[in-house]
Amino acid sequence: MKMNARFQQGSSKLFTIVFWLLLMGSMTLFFNGFIENQQNPNRHLVEMEAGLGTDVVLQRNQAGHYVAPGFINGHEVTFLLDTGATNISVPGGIARKAGLKQGRQAMVMTANGVVPVYATQLDTVQLGAIKLQYISAHINPHMTDDIVLLGMSFMKHLDMTQRDGTLTLRLPGI
């Protein structure tokens, strides 16, 4: 009788521990997805047929930025659209993974002051259905995050419409 009571007490404790572990794990997964969606609401890009081409529609994140997945030379990256940047700025770590070649050094003014960067040429840059070739960029070895600044060397080729927290991009003439 004592053995059966101990078994029930032990299994009750085990059930309680398993319950709380599952609950905490589920909440962690939920909140991680929730937070990531707040930082990048464009993980799954919205594309709309528009005449002969396709519009790429981006939602602004909680910080007021447009962040979206894309590709540089077929290598998957996360873009932060930056109309204040002259060129695409690729962090050094991403440049190494994508096999980008460092060209001549230049000094550029950033939010963190003047830093040396290296010119490079991107064979392809793709944001959703929009794919451009031979775009100038620079490699910034001082950028340590995994976000590529998508500057005007790419954006100048697009028509942009911003309305109510949404940015619509399309190739001109389409």
Protein backbone atom coordinates (compact mmCIF):
# COMPACT_ATOMS: atom_id res chain seq x y z
CA MET A 1 0.00 0.00 0.00
CA LYS A 2 2.80 2.40 0.91
CA MET A 3 4.57 1.51 -2.33
CA ASN A 4 1.49 2.35 -4.41
CA ALA A 5 1.08 5.73 -2.66
CA ARG A 6 4.77 6.56 -3.26
CA PHE A 7 4.41 5.59 -6.91
CA GLN A 8 1.35 7.84 -7.32
CA GLN A 9 3.10 10.72 -5.54
CA GLY A 10 6.22 10.28 -7.71
CA SER A 11 4.27 10.07 -10.95
CA SER A 12 2.24 13.13 -9.92
CA LYS A 13 5.47 15.11 -9.41
CA LEU A 14 6.82 13.84 -12.72
CA PHE A 15 3.60 14.84 -14.48
CA THR A 16 3.79 18.33 -12.94
CA ILE A 17 7.42 18.76 -14.02
CA VAL A 18 6.70 17.55 -17.57
CA PHE A 19 3.65 19.83 -17.77
CA TRP A 20 5.64 22.92 -16.77
CA LEU A 21 8.52 22.06 -19.11
CA LEU A 22 6.12 21.65 -22.03
CA LEU A 23 4.31 24.87 -21.15
CA MET A 24 7.55 26.86 -20.89
CA GLY A 25 8.87 25.35 -24.13
CA SER A 26 5.66 26.18 -25.98
CA MET A 27 5.65 29.74 -24.68
CA THR A 28 9.31 30.18 -25.65
CA LEU A 29 8.59 29.04 -29.21
CA PHE A 30 5.52 31.28 -29.43
CA PHE A 31 7.26 34.40 -28.13
CA ASN A 32 10.39 33.83 -30.24
CA GLY A 33 8.20 33.71 -33.34
CA PHE A 34 6.22 36.73 -32.14
CA ILE A 35 9.35 38.80 -31.51
CA GLU A 36 10.94 37.79 -34.82
CA ASN A 37 7.74 38.73 -36.63
CA GLN A 38 7.86 42.15 -34.96
CA GLN A 39 11.46 42.65 -36.14
CA ASN A 40 10.89 41.24 -39.64
CA PRO A 41 7.23 41.09 -40.67
CA ASN A 42 8.40 40.31 -44.23
CA ARG A 43 9.89 36.87 -43.63
CA HIS A 44 7.42 35.63 -46.23
CA LEU A 45 7.35 38.31 -48.91
CA VAL A 46 4.07 39.43 -50.43
CA GLU A 47 4.23 39.71 -54.20
CA MET A 48 1.38 41.02 -56.33
CA GLU A 49 0.96 40.69 -60.08
CA ALA A 50 1.01 44.17 -61.64
CA GLY A 51 0.65 44.30 -65.41
CA LEU A 52 3.71 42.63 -66.92
CA GLY A 53 5.68 42.46 -63.68
CA THR A 54 5.36 41.76 -60.01
CA ASP A 55 5.23 44.23 -57.13
CA VAL A 56 7.05 43.42 -53.91
CA VAL A 57 5.07 44.68 -50.91
CA LEU A 58 6.89 45.19 -47.60
CA GLN A 59 5.44 45.92 -44.17
CA ARG A 60 7.28 48.31 -41.85
CA ASN A 61 8.56 46.65 -38.65
CA GLN A 62 7.98 47.96 -35.12
CA ALA A 63 11.14 50.08 -35.31
CA GLY A 64 9.84 51.75 -38.49
CA HIS A 65 12.24 49.95 -40.87
CA TYR A 66 11.66 47.75 -43.87
CA VAL A 67 13.45 44.41 -43.40
CA ALA A 68 13.13 41.55 -45.88
CA PRO A 69 14.79 38.33 -47.01
CA GLY A 70 16.69 38.28 -50.28
CA PHE A 71 19.70 36.97 -52.13
CA ILE A 72 23.15 38.23 -53.10
CA ASN A 73 24.77 36.08 -55.80
CA GLY A 74 22.38 33.28 -54.77
CA HIS A 75 23.40 33.51 -51.08
CA GLU A 76 20.43 34.06 -48.74
CA VAL A 77 20.61 37.31 -46.73
CA THR A 78 18.39 39.66 -44.75
CA PHE A 79 18.11 43.18 -46.16
CA LEU A 80 17.42 46.42 -44.30
CA LEU A 81 16.27 48.96 -46.88
CA ASP A 82 18.33 52.13 -46.40
CA THR A 83 17.66 55.01 -48.79
CA GLY A 84 20.29 57.02 -46.91
CA ALA A 85 23.03 54.61 -48.00
CA THR A 86 24.65 55.25 -51.38
CA ASN A 87 25.61 51.61 -51.91
CA ILE A 88 24.64 48.21 -50.67
CA SER A 89 26.73 47.61 -47.55
CA VAL A 90 27.62 43.98 -46.90
CA PRO A 91 29.01 42.92 -43.49
CA GLY A 92 32.42 41.26 -43.69
CA GLY A 93 31.13 37.89 -42.43
CA ILE A 94 28.41 37.71 -45.07
CA ALA A 95 30.87 38.81 -47.77
CA ARG A 96 33.17 35.91 -46.86
CA LYS A 97 30.30 33.39 -46.91
CA ALA A 98 29.09 34.72 -50.29
CA GLY A 99 32.61 34.67 -51.73
CA LEU A 100 32.70 38.40 -52.52
CA LYS A 101 36.02 39.87 -53.65
CA GLN A 102 37.42 42.94 -51.92
CA GLY A 103 38.29 45.74 -54.29
CA ARG A 104 39.88 49.08 -53.58
CA GLN A 105 39.57 50.60 -50.13
CA ALA A 106 37.51 53.75 -49.55
CA MET A 107 36.46 55.69 -46.48
CA VAL A 108 32.74 56.20 -45.87
CA MET A 109 30.71 58.12 -43.32
CA THR A 110 28.40 55.88 -41.29
CA ALA A 111 26.25 56.39 -38.21
CA ASN A 112 29.29 55.17 -36.24
CA GLY A 113 31.73 57.59 -37.88
CA VAL A 114 34.17 57.25 -40.76
CA VAL A 115 35.19 53.64 -41.52
CA PRO A 116 37.18 51.89 -44.27
CA VAL A 117 35.19 49.73 -46.70
CA TYR A 118 36.11 47.76 -49.81
CA ALA A 119 34.42 48.09 -53.20
CA THR A 120 32.82 45.01 -54.70
CA GLN A 121 30.50 44.10 -57.57
CA LEU A 122 27.43 41.93 -56.98
CA ASP A 123 26.49 39.70 -59.91
CA THR A 124 22.87 39.46 -58.76
CA VAL A 125 20.75 41.05 -56.06
CA GLN A 126 17.25 39.68 -55.55
CA LEU A 127 14.41 40.96 -53.40
CA GLY A 128 11.34 38.82 -53.99
CA ALA A 129 10.54 38.80 -57.71
CA ILE A 130 12.86 41.76 -58.36
CA LYS A 131 16.27 40.63 -59.55
CA LEU A 132 18.98 43.03 -60.72
CA GLN A 133 22.45 42.30 -62.08
CA TYR A 134 25.87 43.94 -61.71
CA ILE A 135 25.14 46.18 -58.75
CA SER A 136 27.92 48.09 -56.99
CA ALA A 137 28.34 47.54 -53.27
CA HIS A 138 30.93 47.68 -50.57
CA ILE A 139 32.13 45.27 -47.94
CA ASN A 140 32.16 46.73 -44.45
CA PRO A 141 34.33 44.58 -42.16
CA HIS A 142 33.19 46.69 -39.17
CA MET A 143 29.56 45.57 -39.51
CA THR A 144 29.21 42.56 -37.22
CA ASP A 145 25.52 41.72 -37.59
CA ASP A 146 23.87 39.63 -40.29
CA ILE A 147 21.91 42.43 -41.94
CA VAL A 148 22.82 43.81 -45.37
CA LEU A 149 22.00 47.49 -45.89
CA LEU A 150 20.16 47.68 -49.21
CA GLY A 151 21.20 51.13 -50.41
CA MET A 152 20.49 53.30 -53.41
CA SER A 153 22.80 51.39 -55.80
CA PHE A 154 19.87 48.90 -55.86
CA MET A 155 16.90 51.08 -54.89
CA LYS A 156 17.50 53.73 -57.61
CA HIS A 157 16.40 51.16 -60.21
CA LEU A 158 12.93 50.80 -58.66
CA ASP A 159 9.70 52.73 -58.38
CA MET A 160 8.73 53.02 -54.71
CA THR A 161 5.40 53.88 -53.14
CA GLN A 162 5.06 54.23 -49.38
CA ARG A 163 1.62 54.35 -47.78
CA ASP A 164 0.25 53.40 -44.34
CA GLY A 165 3.30 51.42 -43.20
CA THR A 166 3.61 49.60 -46.51
CA LEU A 167 6.34 50.02 -49.13
CA THR A 168 5.58 48.78 -52.64
CA LEU A 169 8.53 48.22 -54.98
CA ARG A 170 8.41 47.57 -58.73
CA LEU A 171 10.67 47.80 -61.74
CA PRO A 172 9.83 50.99 -63.69
CA GLY A 173 7.84 50.77 -66.89
CA ILE A 174 6.06 47.59 -65.85
